Amino acid sequence: MWYAIITQDVENSLEGRKRNREAHLRRLQELVDQGRLLIAGPHPAVDAEDPGEAGFTGSLIVAEFESLEAAQAWADSDPYALHGVTRKVVVKPYKKVLP
């Protein structure tokens, strides 16, 4: 089943994101390679494609997992979560309808 992983960052998370981005992207690439990633990306802190120093406020990942518990465990072990970038994580089932 698909699960939405919705995160909120701590204030001023940009430096932490930069330090942990490579490891974070490696984990997402594993999901891509397994055909389990629907979409992933950050929420810019300002209304711009490149928010610059304003940074990001969190992320959205929609991926396939065996269970809610497996999705939560994956989210909890993300480098952003482990290294203090993320302050809140919500994981819930997602039903893809369109397109």
Protein backbone atom coordinates (compact mmCIF):
# COMPACT_ATOMS: atom_id res chain seq x y z
CA MET A 1 0.00 0.00 0.00
CA TRP A 2 1.03 3.59 -0.52
CA TYR A 3 1.85 5.79 2.49
CA ALA A 4 2.27 9.54 2.76
CA ILE A 5 5.16 10.69 4.91
CA ILE A 6 4.68 14.35 5.79
CA THR A 7 7.45 16.02 7.74
CA GLN A 8 7.93 19.39 9.38
CA ASP A 9 11.41 20.76 9.89
CA VAL A 10 12.86 22.49 12.91
CA GLU A 11 13.44 26.22 12.52
CA ASN A 12 16.51 27.11 10.45
CA SER A 13 16.92 23.58 9.12
CA LEU A 14 18.81 24.48 5.94
CA GLU A 15 22.32 23.67 7.20
CA GLY A 16 21.15 20.34 8.63
CA ARG A 17 19.44 19.54 5.35
CA LYS A 18 22.63 20.30 3.45
CA ARG A 19 24.74 18.10 5.75
CA ASN A 20 22.37 15.13 5.49
CA ARG A 21 20.96 15.54 1.97
CA GLU A 22 23.20 12.99 0.25
CA ALA A 23 22.31 10.21 2.71
CA HIS A 24 18.61 11.20 2.54
CA LEU A 25 18.63 11.05 -1.27
CA ARG A 26 20.41 7.67 -1.26
CA ARG A 27 17.54 6.18 0.74
CA LEU A 28 14.99 7.67 -1.65
CA GLN A 29 16.95 6.32 -4.62
CA GLU A 30 16.68 2.83 -3.10
CA LEU A 31 12.89 3.22 -3.17
CA VAL A 32 13.08 4.41 -6.79
CA ASP A 33 15.23 1.42 -7.74
CA GLN A 34 12.66 -0.90 -6.12
CA GLY A 35 9.77 0.80 -7.94
CA ARG A 36 8.26 1.93 -4.62
CA LEU A 37 8.50 5.74 -4.81
CA LEU A 38 5.56 7.70 -6.21
CA ILE A 39 6.73 11.22 -5.36
CA ALA A 40 9.13 13.02 -3.05
CA GLY A 41 10.20 16.57 -2.45
CA PRO A 42 10.58 19.42 0.01
CA HIS A 43 8.23 22.27 0.88
CA PRO A 44 10.01 25.61 0.16
CA ALA A 45 9.72 28.15 2.97
CA VAL A 46 8.82 30.84 0.42
CA ASP A 47 6.81 30.76 -2.80
CA ALA A 48 9.76 30.07 -5.10
CA GLU A 49 11.24 27.11 -6.96
CA ASP A 50 14.59 27.87 -5.29
CA PRO A 51 14.00 29.36 -1.84
CA GLY A 52 17.68 30.15 -1.32
CA GLU A 53 18.59 30.89 2.28
CA ALA A 54 14.90 30.77 3.31
CA GLY A 55 15.25 27.00 3.02
CA PHE A 56 12.47 24.50 3.50
CA THR A 57 9.77 23.76 6.06
CA GLY A 58 9.46 20.01 5.57
CA SER A 59 8.91 17.32 2.97
CA LEU A 60 6.38 15.01 1.36
CA ILE A 61 7.21 11.45 0.39
CA VAL A 62 4.65 9.00 -1.01
CA ALA A 63 6.03 5.48 -1.18
CA GLU A 64 4.92 1.88 -1.05
CA PHE A 65 5.50 -0.15 2.13
CA GLU A 66 4.22 -3.47 3.49
CA SER A 67 2.47 -1.78 6.42
CA LEU A 68 1.96 1.46 8.31
CA GLU A 69 4.52 0.25 10.85
CA ALA A 70 7.10 -0.34 8.10
CA ALA A 71 6.47 3.13 6.66
CA GLN A 72 6.81 4.70 10.11
CA ALA A 73 10.05 2.81 10.79
CA TRP A 74 11.46 3.94 7.44
CA ALA A 75 10.52 7.57 8.19
CA ASP A 76 11.97 7.40 11.70
CA SER A 77 15.31 6.15 10.37
CA ASP A 78 15.71 8.84 7.72
CA PRO A 79 18.89 10.91 8.15
CA TYR A 80 16.83 14.09 8.48
CA ALA A 81 14.93 12.54 11.39
CA LEU A 82 18.04 11.06 12.99
CA HIS A 83 20.09 14.26 12.81
CA GLY A 84 17.61 16.85 14.08
CA VAL A 85 16.33 18.33 10.82
CA THR A 86 12.81 17.00 11.31
CA ARG A 87 10.70 18.03 14.29
CA LYS A 88 7.48 16.20 13.37
CA VAL A 89 6.61 13.23 11.15
CA VAL A 90 3.12 12.12 10.17
CA VAL A 91 2.72 8.83 8.31
CA LYS A 92 -0.66 7.76 6.99
CA PRO A 93 -2.12 5.52 4.31
CA TYR A 94 -2.51 7.08 0.87
CA LYS A 95 -4.83 6.02 -1.95
CA LYS A 96 -3.68 7.10 -5.40
CA VAL A 97 -6.68 7.95 -7.57
CA LEU A 98 -5.43 10.32 -10.32
CA PRO A 99 -3.74 10.44 -12.74
